[in-house]
Amino acid sequence: MIDTKPPVQEDLAAALMSLFLPIHYRIGVGFEETLRCGQLSRKQVAILWLMRAEGGPEGSMRRKDIERLLASWFETSSSTITRSLAALARPPLKLVRVREDPDSGREKRVILTTKGEQFLSSMTAEGRTFAQRLLDGMPRQEIREMVRLMQKAIAVLEREGAERNSSALPNASRKSAKPTRFIQPQQISSVSCLKQEPQPNSRLPTGA
């Protein structure tokens, strides 16, 4: 007797949803802790990552662009970002400088210091090591396909975010934010996170 019932389709959305907790907590949070190097807050890590991706060869960004892009990742405020930047700029970190934008006296520009460039290079190398542990043992073709699918999923989220912004601001410019460029493995040098110089009778600022 032939079974004429239509085949039950696998609920792929539910299967993906079931992976949320291990992906978020075991991979995402673990990766984030690696990038913090025991010295930075989540928002400070995000600021440095943005400057690496969007700051160009000089590692420089307008403060308002940092605030705009961070707002798409975190529920944050201008004052919180100000505190995070201040902690990055003052001793013992001294990873960035905040200066007036030469193109606009009303704007501030955030610039990586030499120490900040070295720290960022070390931070991304540590992140690559974390990611490599997840990939060890996987066939290269599977890794390429996984990266391709993740990039496609991120593109969908960015497109939906741009559409929501356009709907919320009908009179604003229709240009969406430039997507973050992801760091490629060949751009990362293999060094350890920089160690904090000891500061007597001082506590490490981590910002908000």
N, C-alpha and C. Protein backbone atom coordinates (compact mmCIF):
# COMPACT_ATOMS: atom_id res chain seq x y z
N MET A 1 0.85 -1.20 0.00
CA MET A 1 0.00 0.00 0.00
C MET A 1 0.88 1.25 0.00
N ILE A 2 0.58 2.14 -0.89
CA ILE A 2 1.39 3.36 -1.03
C ILE A 2 0.87 4.43 -0.09
N ASP A 3 1.78 5.03 0.67
CA ASP A 3 1.42 6.12 1.58
C ASP A 3 1.29 7.40 0.76
N THR A 4 0.07 7.92 0.70
CA THR A 4 -0.18 9.13 -0.10
C THR A 4 -0.13 10.41 0.73
N LYS A 5 0.18 10.29 2.02
CA LYS A 5 0.26 11.50 2.85
C LYS A 5 1.46 12.34 2.42
N PRO A 6 1.26 13.66 2.36
CA PRO A 6 2.39 14.50 2.00
C PRO A 6 3.46 14.43 3.08
N PRO A 7 4.74 14.46 2.72
CA PRO A 7 5.82 14.40 3.72
C PRO A 7 5.77 15.63 4.64
N VAL A 8 6.03 15.37 5.91
CA VAL A 8 6.06 16.46 6.89
C VAL A 8 7.35 17.24 6.70
N GLN A 9 7.20 18.52 6.47
CA GLN A 9 8.37 19.35 6.27
C GLN A 9 9.05 19.64 7.60
N GLU A 10 10.36 19.57 7.59
CA GLU A 10 11.13 19.87 8.80
C GLU A 10 11.03 21.35 9.11
N ASP A 11 10.79 21.67 10.37
CA ASP A 11 10.68 23.06 10.81
C ASP A 11 12.09 23.60 11.03
N LEU A 12 12.67 24.15 9.97
CA LEU A 12 14.05 24.61 10.06
C LEU A 12 14.19 25.85 10.94
N ALA A 13 13.14 26.69 10.97
CA ALA A 13 13.20 27.87 11.84
C ALA A 13 13.28 27.43 13.30
N ALA A 14 12.49 26.41 13.67
CA ALA A 14 12.53 25.90 15.04
C ALA A 14 13.88 25.26 15.34
N ALA A 15 14.45 24.56 14.35
CA ALA A 15 15.76 23.95 14.55
C ALA A 15 16.83 25.01 14.80
N LEU A 16 16.75 26.10 14.02
CA LEU A 16 17.70 27.19 14.22
C LEU A 16 17.49 27.85 15.57
N MET A 17 16.23 28.05 15.96
CA MET A 17 15.92 28.68 17.24
C MET A 17 16.48 27.87 18.40
N SER A 18 16.48 26.54 18.27
CA SER A 18 16.98 25.69 19.35
C SER A 18 18.47 25.87 19.58
N LEU A 19 19.16 26.46 18.61
CA LEU A 19 20.59 26.69 18.74
C LEU A 19 20.91 28.03 19.39
N PHE A 20 19.87 28.82 19.69
CA PHE A 20 20.11 30.19 20.18
C PHE A 20 20.98 30.21 21.43
N LEU A 21 20.59 29.45 22.45
CA LEU A 21 21.32 29.52 23.72
C LEU A 21 22.78 29.09 23.57
N PRO A 22 23.07 27.93 22.96
CA PRO A 22 24.49 27.59 22.83
C PRO A 22 25.27 28.57 21.96
N ILE A 23 24.64 29.08 20.89
CA ILE A 23 25.35 30.04 20.04
C ILE A 23 25.62 31.33 20.80
N HIS A 24 24.59 31.82 21.50
CA HIS A 24 24.73 33.11 22.18
C HIS A 24 25.68 33.02 23.37
N TYR A 25 25.43 32.04 24.25
CA TYR A 25 26.17 32.02 25.51
C TYR A 25 27.51 31.30 25.41
N ARG A 26 27.57 30.19 24.68
CA ARG A 26 28.82 29.45 24.63
C ARG A 26 29.77 30.00 23.58
N ILE A 27 29.22 30.55 22.51
CA ILE A 27 30.09 31.09 21.46
C ILE A 27 30.16 32.61 21.54
N GLY A 28 28.97 33.27 21.49
CA GLY A 28 28.97 34.73 21.47
C GLY A 28 29.58 35.36 22.71
N VAL A 29 29.13 34.93 23.88
CA VAL A 29 29.66 35.50 25.13
C VAL A 29 31.12 35.10 25.31
N GLY A 30 31.45 33.85 24.95
CA GLY A 30 32.84 33.43 25.06
C GLY A 30 33.75 34.25 24.16
N PHE A 31 33.29 34.54 22.95
CA PHE A 31 34.07 35.37 22.04
C PHE A 31 34.22 36.78 22.58
N GLU A 32 33.14 37.30 23.12
CA GLU A 32 33.17 38.65 23.69
C GLU A 32 34.14 38.73 24.86
N GLU A 33 34.13 37.73 25.74
CA GLU A 33 35.05 37.73 26.87
C GLU A 33 36.49 37.66 26.39
N THR A 34 36.73 36.92 25.32
CA THR A 34 38.08 36.84 24.76
C THR A 34 38.54 38.21 24.28
N LEU A 35 37.66 38.93 23.59
CA LEU A 35 38.02 40.25 23.06
C LEU A 35 38.22 41.27 24.17
N ARG A 36 37.57 41.08 25.30
CA ARG A 36 37.73 42.03 26.40
C ARG A 36 39.13 41.98 27.00
N CYS A 37 39.82 40.86 26.84
CA CYS A 37 41.19 40.70 27.36
C CYS A 37 41.27 40.99 28.86
N GLY A 38 40.16 40.85 29.56
CA GLY A 38 40.15 41.11 30.99
C GLY A 38 40.30 42.57 31.36
N GLN A 39 40.19 43.48 30.39
CA GLN A 39 40.47 44.89 30.66
C GLN A 39 39.36 45.84 30.20
N LEU A 40 38.51 45.42 29.26
CA LEU A 40 37.55 46.33 28.67
C LEU A 40 36.12 45.90 28.98
N SER A 41 35.20 46.86 28.85
CA SER A 41 33.78 46.55 28.93
C SER A 41 33.27 46.12 27.56
N ARG A 42 32.05 45.61 27.52
CA ARG A 42 31.45 45.20 26.24
C ARG A 42 31.40 46.36 25.27
N LYS A 43 30.99 47.51 25.74
CA LYS A 43 30.85 48.67 24.85
C LYS A 43 32.21 49.17 24.38
N GLN A 44 33.21 49.08 25.23
CA GLN A 44 34.55 49.49 24.81
C GLN A 44 35.09 48.55 23.73
N VAL A 45 34.83 47.26 23.88
CA VAL A 45 35.21 46.30 22.83
C VAL A 45 34.52 46.68 21.51
N ALA A 46 33.22 46.98 21.59
CA ALA A 46 32.48 47.34 20.38
C ALA A 46 33.02 48.61 19.74
N ILE A 47 33.42 49.58 20.55
CA ILE A 47 33.98 50.83 20.03
C ILE A 47 35.27 50.54 19.26
N LEU A 48 36.17 49.76 19.86
CA LEU A 48 37.43 49.45 19.18
C LEU A 48 37.19 48.63 17.92
N TRP A 49 36.22 47.70 17.99
CA TRP A 49 35.92 46.88 16.81
C TRP A 49 35.38 47.74 15.67
N LEU A 50 34.53 48.71 16.00
CA LEU A 50 34.03 49.63 14.99
C LEU A 50 35.16 50.44 14.37
N MET A 51 36.06 50.91 15.21
CA MET A 51 37.17 51.72 14.70
C MET A 51 38.08 50.90 13.81
N ARG A 52 38.23 49.62 14.12
CA ARG A 52 39.03 48.73 13.26
C ARG A 52 38.35 48.52 11.91
N ALA A 53 37.01 48.37 11.94
CA ALA A 53 36.27 48.07 10.71
C ALA A 53 35.97 49.31 9.89
N GLU A 54 35.69 50.44 10.55
CA GLU A 54 35.19 51.63 9.85
C GLU A 54 36.15 52.81 9.90
N GLY A 55 37.23 52.70 10.69
CA GLY A 55 38.08 53.87 10.91
C GLY A 55 39.11 54.14 9.84
N GLY A 56 39.22 53.25 8.85
CA GLY A 56 40.20 53.48 7.80
C GLY A 56 41.62 53.26 8.30
N PRO A 57 42.60 53.55 7.46
CA PRO A 57 44.00 53.31 7.84
C PRO A 57 44.45 54.12 9.04
N GLU A 58 43.80 55.26 9.31
CA GLU A 58 44.19 56.10 10.44
C GLU A 58 43.50 55.69 11.73
N GLY A 59 42.54 54.77 11.66
CA GLY A 59 41.82 54.37 12.87
C GLY A 59 41.11 55.55 13.51
N SER A 60 40.37 56.30 12.72
CA SER A 60 39.72 57.52 13.18
C SER A 60 38.25 57.52 12.79
N MET A 61 37.38 57.90 13.75
CA MET A 61 35.94 57.98 13.48
C MET A 61 35.34 59.18 14.18
N ARG A 62 34.29 59.73 13.59
CA ARG A 62 33.55 60.78 14.28
C ARG A 62 32.77 60.16 15.43
N ARG A 63 32.71 60.88 16.53
CA ARG A 63 32.04 60.34 17.71
C ARG A 63 30.58 60.03 17.42
N LYS A 64 29.92 60.88 16.65
CA LYS A 64 28.50 60.67 16.39
C LYS A 64 28.27 59.42 15.54
N ASP A 65 29.26 59.04 14.70
CA ASP A 65 29.14 57.81 13.93
C ASP A 65 29.29 56.60 14.83
N ILE A 66 30.19 56.68 15.79
CA ILE A 66 30.32 55.59 16.77
C ILE A 66 29.02 55.42 17.53
N GLU A 67 28.43 56.53 17.97
CA GLU A 67 27.18 56.46 18.72
C GLU A 67 26.06 55.87 17.86
N ARG A 68 25.99 56.28 16.60
CA ARG A 68 24.93 55.78 15.71
C ARG A 68 25.05 54.28 15.48
N LEU A 69 26.26 53.80 15.23
CA LEU A 69 26.45 52.39 14.95
C LEU A 69 26.29 51.53 16.21
N LEU A 70 26.75 52.04 17.35
CA LEU A 70 26.58 51.28 18.59
C LEU A 70 25.10 51.15 18.95
N ALA A 71 24.32 52.17 18.63
CA ALA A 71 22.90 52.13 18.95
C ALA A 71 22.18 51.01 18.21
N SER A 72 22.75 50.53 17.11
CA SER A 72 22.13 49.43 16.39
C SER A 72 22.48 48.08 17.02
N TRP A 73 23.43 48.07 17.96
CA TRP A 73 23.84 46.84 18.62
C TRP A 73 23.37 46.79 20.07
N PHE A 74 23.39 47.94 20.76
CA PHE A 74 23.08 48.01 22.18
C PHE A 74 21.95 49.00 22.42
N GLU A 75 21.27 48.80 23.54
CA GLU A 75 20.40 49.85 24.04
C GLU A 75 21.27 50.74 24.90
N THR A 76 21.69 51.86 24.35
CA THR A 76 22.68 52.68 25.02
C THR A 76 22.30 54.15 24.90
N SER A 77 23.05 55.00 25.57
CA SER A 77 22.78 56.44 25.57
C SER A 77 24.06 57.19 25.25
N SER A 78 23.89 58.46 24.90
CA SER A 78 25.05 59.29 24.58
C SER A 78 25.98 59.41 25.78
N SER A 79 25.41 59.54 26.98
CA SER A 79 26.25 59.68 28.18
C SER A 79 27.03 58.41 28.46
N THR A 80 26.42 57.25 28.20
CA THR A 80 27.13 55.98 28.40
C THR A 80 28.32 55.87 27.46
N ILE A 81 28.13 56.26 26.22
CA ILE A 81 29.23 56.21 25.25
C ILE A 81 30.32 57.20 25.64
N THR A 82 29.92 58.37 26.15
CA THR A 82 30.90 59.35 26.60
C THR A 82 31.76 58.78 27.72
N ARG A 83 31.14 58.09 28.68
CA ARG A 83 31.90 57.49 29.77
C ARG A 83 32.83 56.38 29.27
N SER A 84 32.35 55.58 28.34
CA SER A 84 33.18 54.51 27.79
C SER A 84 34.40 55.08 27.06
N LEU A 85 34.19 56.12 26.27
CA LEU A 85 35.29 56.75 25.54
C LEU A 85 36.27 57.41 26.50
N ALA A 86 35.74 58.05 27.55
CA ALA A 86 36.62 58.71 28.52
C ALA A 86 37.53 57.69 29.20
N ALA A 87 36.97 56.52 29.54
CA ALA A 87 37.78 55.48 30.18
C ALA A 87 38.84 54.93 29.21
N LEU A 88 38.49 54.83 27.93
CA LEU A 88 39.46 54.38 26.93
C LEU A 88 40.59 55.40 26.74
N ALA A 89 40.28 56.67 26.95
CA ALA A 89 41.24 57.74 26.66
C ALA A 89 42.19 58.03 27.82
N ARG A 90 41.75 57.79 29.05
CA ARG A 90 42.58 58.17 30.18
C ARG A 90 43.43 56.99 30.68
N PRO A 91 44.51 57.30 31.45
CA PRO A 91 45.31 56.23 32.02
C PRO A 91 44.45 55.35 32.93
N PRO A 92 44.74 54.06 33.03
CA PRO A 92 45.92 53.38 32.48
C PRO A 92 45.72 52.84 31.07
N LEU A 93 44.53 52.98 30.46
CA LEU A 93 44.31 52.43 29.13
C LEU A 93 44.99 53.27 28.05
N LYS A 94 44.51 54.50 27.86
CA LYS A 94 45.09 55.41 26.86
C LYS A 94 45.13 54.78 25.47
N LEU A 95 43.99 54.20 25.07
CA LEU A 95 43.91 53.53 23.77
C LEU A 95 43.39 54.45 22.67
N VAL A 96 42.71 55.54 23.04
CA VAL A 96 42.18 56.49 22.05
C VAL A 96 42.45 57.91 22.51
N ARG A 97 42.34 58.83 21.54
CA ARG A 97 42.33 60.26 21.83
C ARG A 97 41.03 60.83 21.29
N VAL A 98 40.45 61.77 21.99
CA VAL A 98 39.24 62.45 21.53
C VAL A 98 39.62 63.90 21.24
N ARG A 99 39.44 64.30 19.97
CA ARG A 99 39.85 65.64 19.54
C ARG A 99 38.70 66.30 18.78
N GLU A 100 38.81 67.62 18.63
CA GLU A 100 37.85 68.32 17.79
C GLU A 100 38.05 67.90 16.33
N ASP A 101 36.95 67.73 15.63
CA ASP A 101 37.01 67.37 14.22
C ASP A 101 37.48 68.59 13.44
N PRO A 102 38.57 68.48 12.68
CA PRO A 102 39.06 69.64 11.92
C PRO A 102 38.06 70.13 10.88
N ASP A 103 37.13 69.26 10.48
CA ASP A 103 36.14 69.65 9.48
C ASP A 103 34.90 70.30 10.09
N SER A 104 34.77 70.21 11.43
CA SER A 104 33.62 70.79 12.11
C SER A 104 33.95 71.00 13.57
N GLY A 105 33.94 72.27 13.99
CA GLY A 105 34.26 72.59 15.38
C GLY A 105 33.25 72.04 16.37
N ARG A 106 32.07 71.66 15.89
CA ARG A 106 31.04 71.15 16.78
C ARG A 106 31.12 69.63 16.95
N GLU A 107 31.96 68.98 16.15
CA GLU A 107 32.06 67.53 16.19
C GLU A 107 33.34 67.09 16.88
N LYS A 108 33.30 65.90 17.45
CA LYS A 108 34.47 65.28 18.05
C LYS A 108 34.90 64.10 17.19
N ARG A 109 36.19 63.87 17.15
CA ARG A 109 36.74 62.73 16.41
C ARG A 109 37.54 61.86 17.38
N VAL A 110 37.33 60.55 17.27
CA VAL A 110 38.02 59.59 18.13
C VAL A 110 39.11 58.93 17.31
N ILE A 111 40.33 58.94 17.84
CA ILE A 111 41.51 58.46 17.10
C ILE A 111 42.22 57.42 17.95
N LEU A 112 42.61 56.33 17.32
CA LEU A 112 43.40 55.32 18.02
C LEU A 112 44.80 55.84 18.31
N THR A 113 45.29 55.62 19.52
CA THR A 113 46.69 55.90 19.83
C THR A 113 47.55 54.75 19.33
N THR A 114 48.87 54.92 19.39
CA THR A 114 49.76 53.82 19.03
C THR A 114 49.51 52.62 19.92
N LYS A 115 49.33 52.87 21.20
CA LYS A 115 49.01 51.78 22.12
C LYS A 115 47.67 51.14 21.77
N GLY A 116 46.72 51.96 21.34
CA GLY A 116 45.42 51.44 20.94
C GLY A 116 45.51 50.54 19.71
N GLU A 117 46.34 50.92 18.74
CA GLU A 117 46.54 50.10 17.55
C GLU A 117 47.14 48.75 17.92
N GLN A 118 48.13 48.78 18.82
CA GLN A 118 48.76 47.53 19.26
C GLN A 118 47.77 46.66 20.02
N PHE A 119 46.98 47.28 20.88
CA PHE A 119 46.00 46.52 21.66
C PHE A 119 44.96 45.91 20.74
N LEU A 120 44.50 46.67 19.76
CA LEU A 120 43.48 46.18 18.84
C LEU A 120 44.00 45.02 18.01
N SER A 121 45.25 45.11 17.57
CA SER A 121 45.85 44.01 16.83
C SER A 121 45.92 42.76 17.70
N SER A 122 46.31 42.93 18.97
CA SER A 122 46.37 41.80 19.89
C SER A 122 44.98 41.24 20.16
N MET A 123 44.00 42.12 20.33
CA MET A 123 42.64 41.70 20.64
C MET A 123 42.06 40.87 19.50
N THR A 124 42.25 41.32 18.27
CA THR A 124 41.70 40.59 17.14
C THR A 124 42.42 39.26 16.92
N ALA A 125 43.71 39.21 17.24
CA ALA A 125 44.44 37.95 17.15
C ALA A 125 43.90 36.94 18.16
N GLU A 126 43.60 37.40 19.38
CA GLU A 126 43.01 36.52 20.37
C GLU A 126 41.64 36.03 19.92
N GLY A 127 40.87 36.93 19.29
CA GLY A 127 39.56 36.53 18.77
C GLY A 127 39.68 35.49 17.67
N ARG A 128 40.68 35.64 16.82
CA ARG A 128 40.89 34.66 15.75
C ARG A 128 41.26 33.30 16.33
N THR A 129 42.07 33.29 17.37
CA THR A 129 42.44 32.03 18.01
C THR A 129 41.21 31.34 18.58
N PHE A 130 40.31 32.13 19.19
CA PHE A 130 39.06 31.56 19.72
C PHE A 130 38.24 30.95 18.59
N ALA A 131 38.12 31.68 17.48
CA ALA A 131 37.33 31.18 16.36
C ALA A 131 37.96 29.94 15.75
N GLN A 132 39.29 29.91 15.70
CA GLN A 132 39.96 28.76 15.09
C GLN A 132 39.70 27.49 15.87
N ARG A 133 39.58 27.59 17.20
CA ARG A 133 39.28 26.41 18.01
C ARG A 133 37.93 25.81 17.63
N LEU A 134 36.97 26.67 17.24
CA LEU A 134 35.67 26.17 16.82
C LEU A 134 35.74 25.47 15.46
N LEU A 135 36.70 25.87 14.63
CA LEU A 135 36.77 25.37 13.27
C LEU A 135 37.66 24.15 13.12
N ASP A 136 38.52 23.92 14.10
CA ASP A 136 39.45 22.80 13.99
C ASP A 136 38.69 21.49 13.79
N GLY A 137 39.10 20.75 12.81
CA GLY A 137 38.46 19.47 12.53
C GLY A 137 37.34 19.53 11.51
N MET A 138 36.89 20.76 11.18
CA MET A 138 35.83 20.89 10.16
C MET A 138 36.45 20.90 8.76
N PRO A 139 35.79 20.29 7.79
CA PRO A 139 36.27 20.42 6.41
C PRO A 139 36.18 21.87 5.94
N ARG A 140 37.14 22.29 5.14
CA ARG A 140 37.19 23.68 4.69
C ARG A 140 35.93 24.08 3.92
N GLN A 141 35.38 23.13 3.15
CA GLN A 141 34.17 23.45 2.40
C GLN A 141 33.02 23.77 3.33
N GLU A 142 32.90 23.04 4.44
CA GLU A 142 31.85 23.33 5.41
C GLU A 142 32.07 24.69 6.06
N ILE A 143 33.32 25.02 6.33
CA ILE A 143 33.62 26.32 6.94
C ILE A 143 33.23 27.45 5.99
N ARG A 144 33.60 27.30 4.71
CA ARG A 144 33.24 28.33 3.73
C ARG A 144 31.73 28.50 3.63
N GLU A 145 31.02 27.39 3.64
CA GLU A 145 29.56 27.46 3.53
C GLU A 145 28.96 28.10 4.78
N MET A 146 29.49 27.78 5.95
CA MET A 146 29.00 28.39 7.19
C MET A 146 29.22 29.90 7.17
N VAL A 147 30.40 30.33 6.76
CA VAL A 147 30.69 31.77 6.68
C VAL A 147 29.75 32.44 5.69
N ARG A 148 29.53 31.80 4.55
CA ARG A 148 28.64 32.37 3.53
C ARG A 148 27.22 32.53 4.07
N LEU A 149 26.73 31.53 4.76
CA LEU A 149 25.37 31.59 5.29
C LEU A 149 25.24 32.64 6.39
N MET A 150 26.26 32.77 7.23
CA MET A 150 26.21 33.78 8.28
C MET A 150 26.24 35.18 7.68
N GLN A 151 27.07 35.38 6.66
CA GLN A 151 27.11 36.68 5.98
C GLN A 151 25.76 37.01 5.35
N LYS A 152 25.11 35.98 4.79
CA LYS A 152 23.80 36.18 4.18
C LYS A 152 22.76 36.55 5.24
N ALA A 153 22.81 35.88 6.40
CA ALA A 153 21.86 36.19 7.48
C ALA A 153 22.07 37.61 7.99
N ILE A 154 23.33 38.02 8.13
CA ILE A 154 23.63 39.38 8.59
C ILE A 154 23.12 40.40 7.58
N ALA A 155 23.27 40.11 6.29
CA ALA A 155 22.78 41.02 5.26
C ALA A 155 21.27 41.19 5.35
N VAL A 156 20.55 40.10 5.66
CA VAL A 156 19.10 40.19 5.82
C VAL A 156 18.76 41.11 7.00
N LEU A 157 19.45 40.94 8.13
CA LEU A 157 19.19 41.78 9.30
C LEU A 157 19.51 43.24 9.02
N GLU A 158 20.59 43.50 8.31
CA GLU A 158 20.94 44.88 7.98
C GLU A 158 19.91 45.51 7.06
N ARG A 159 19.42 44.72 6.10
CA ARG A 159 18.40 45.23 5.18
C ARG A 159 17.11 45.54 5.91
N GLU A 160 16.70 44.65 6.82
CA GLU A 160 15.48 44.88 7.59
C GLU A 160 15.64 46.10 8.49
N GLY A 161 16.82 46.27 9.09
CA GLY A 161 17.05 47.43 9.93
C GLY A 161 16.98 48.72 9.14
N ALA A 162 17.55 48.72 7.93
CA ALA A 162 17.50 49.91 7.08
C ALA A 162 16.06 50.21 6.68
N GLU A 163 15.28 49.18 6.40
CA GLU A 163 13.88 49.39 6.02
C GLU A 163 13.07 49.96 7.18
N ARG A 164 13.33 49.47 8.40
CA ARG A 164 12.63 50.01 9.57
C ARG A 164 12.98 51.46 9.79
N ASN A 165 14.27 51.79 9.62
CA ASN A 165 14.68 53.18 9.79
C ASN A 165 14.02 54.08 8.76
N SER A 166 13.91 53.60 7.53
CA SER A 166 13.28 54.39 6.47
C SER A 166 11.80 54.60 6.76
N SER A 167 11.14 53.59 7.29
CA SER A 167 9.71 53.71 7.62
C SER A 167 9.49 54.66 8.80
N ALA A 168 10.42 54.63 9.75
CA ALA A 168 10.27 55.48 10.94
C ALA A 168 10.58 56.94 10.63
N LEU A 169 11.41 57.17 9.63
CA LEU A 169 11.81 58.54 9.28
C LEU A 169 11.52 58.78 7.81
N PRO A 170 10.24 58.97 7.46
CA PRO A 170 9.90 59.10 6.03
C PRO A 170 10.50 60.33 5.38
N ASN A 171 10.79 61.35 6.16
CA ASN A 171 11.32 62.58 5.59
C ASN A 171 12.84 62.63 5.62
N ALA A 172 13.46 61.57 6.22
CA ALA A 172 14.92 61.56 6.32
C ALA A 172 15.52 60.97 5.06
N SER A 173 16.83 61.04 4.99
CA SER A 173 17.53 60.45 3.85
C SER A 173 17.29 58.95 3.79
N ARG A 174 17.13 58.41 2.60
CA ARG A 174 16.89 56.99 2.42
C ARG A 174 18.18 56.18 2.40
N LYS A 175 19.31 56.83 2.56
CA LYS A 175 20.57 56.10 2.52
C LYS A 175 20.73 55.33 3.82
N SER A 176 20.99 54.06 3.73
CA SER A 176 21.21 53.24 4.92
C SER A 176 22.65 53.37 5.36
N ALA A 177 22.90 52.98 6.61
CA ALA A 177 24.24 53.05 7.16
C ALA A 177 25.15 52.07 6.42
N LYS A 178 26.40 52.48 6.25
CA LYS A 178 27.35 51.60 5.59
C LYS A 178 27.58 50.37 6.46
N PRO A 179 27.43 49.17 5.92
CA PRO A 179 27.59 47.98 6.74
C PRO A 179 29.02 47.81 7.23
N THR A 180 29.16 47.24 8.40
CA THR A 180 30.46 47.00 8.96
C THR A 180 31.22 45.99 8.11
N ARG A 181 32.48 46.30 7.83
CA ARG A 181 33.31 45.38 7.07
C ARG A 181 33.98 44.43 8.05
N PHE A 182 33.83 43.14 7.85
CA PHE A 182 34.36 42.18 8.78
C PHE A 182 35.84 41.95 8.52
N ILE A 183 36.58 41.77 9.59
CA ILE A 183 38.01 41.59 9.49
C ILE A 183 38.31 40.21 8.91
N GLN A 184 39.17 40.16 7.92
CA GLN A 184 39.55 38.90 7.31
C GLN A 184 40.75 38.33 8.04
N PRO A 185 40.88 36.99 8.06
CA PRO A 185 41.98 36.38 8.80
C PRO A 185 43.35 36.90 8.42
N GLN A 186 43.58 37.18 7.12
CA GLN A 186 44.90 37.61 6.71
C GLN A 186 45.24 39.00 7.22
N GLN A 187 44.27 39.73 7.75
CA GLN A 187 44.54 41.07 8.26
C GLN A 187 44.95 41.04 9.73
N ILE A 188 44.99 39.86 10.35
CA ILE A 188 45.20 39.77 11.79
C ILE A 188 46.58 39.20 12.07
N SER A 189 47.32 39.86 12.95
CA SER A 189 48.62 39.35 13.33
C SER A 189 48.49 38.51 14.60
N SER A 190 49.34 37.51 14.76
CA SER A 190 49.25 36.58 15.88
C SER A 190 50.12 37.08 17.02
N VAL A 191 49.54 37.84 17.93
CA VAL A 191 50.21 38.31 19.14
C VAL A 191 49.23 38.20 20.29
N SER A 192 49.76 38.25 21.50
CA SER A 192 48.91 38.14 22.67
C SER A 192 48.39 39.50 23.07
N CYS A 193 47.30 39.52 23.85
CA CYS A 193 46.77 40.79 24.35
C CYS A 193 47.83 41.51 25.16
N LEU A 194 47.88 42.82 25.00
CA LEU A 194 48.84 43.59 25.75
C LEU A 194 48.50 43.55 27.23
N LYS A 195 49.51 43.50 28.05
CA LYS A 195 49.31 43.50 29.49
C LYS A 195 49.22 44.92 29.99
N GLN A 196 48.38 45.11 30.98
CA GLN A 196 48.20 46.43 31.59
C GLN A 196 49.42 46.81 32.39
N GLU A 197 49.91 48.04 32.23
CA GLU A 197 50.99 48.51 33.06
C GLU A 197 50.47 48.71 34.47
N PRO A 198 51.23 48.26 35.50
CA PRO A 198 50.74 48.42 36.88
C PRO A 198 50.58 49.87 37.25
N GLN A 199 49.49 50.19 37.89
CA GLN A 199 49.20 51.55 38.35
C GLN A 199 48.97 51.50 39.85
N PRO A 200 49.88 52.04 40.65
CA PRO A 200 49.71 51.99 42.10
C PRO A 200 48.47 52.76 42.56
N ASN A 201 47.74 52.12 43.47
CA ASN A 201 46.58 52.76 44.09
C ASN A 201 45.58 53.27 43.07
N SER A 202 45.40 52.53 41.98
CA SER A 202 44.42 52.94 40.98
C SER A 202 43.61 51.74 40.58
N ARG A 203 42.39 51.97 40.17
CA ARG A 203 41.49 50.93 39.69
C ARG A 203 41.30 51.09 38.21
N LEU A 204 41.23 49.98 37.51
CA LEU A 204 41.06 50.02 36.06
C LEU A 204 39.68 50.51 35.69
N PRO A 205 39.58 51.62 34.93
CA PRO A 205 38.25 52.06 34.48
C PRO A 205 37.75 51.17 33.36
N THR A 206 36.53 50.74 33.48
CA THR A 206 35.95 49.91 32.43
C THR A 206 34.80 50.59 31.74
N GLY A 207 34.44 51.77 32.17
CA GLY A 207 33.34 52.46 31.52
C GLY A 207 32.02 51.81 31.83
N ALA A 208 30.95 52.26 31.10
CA ALA A 208 29.63 51.72 31.36
C ALA A 208 29.44 50.46 30.57
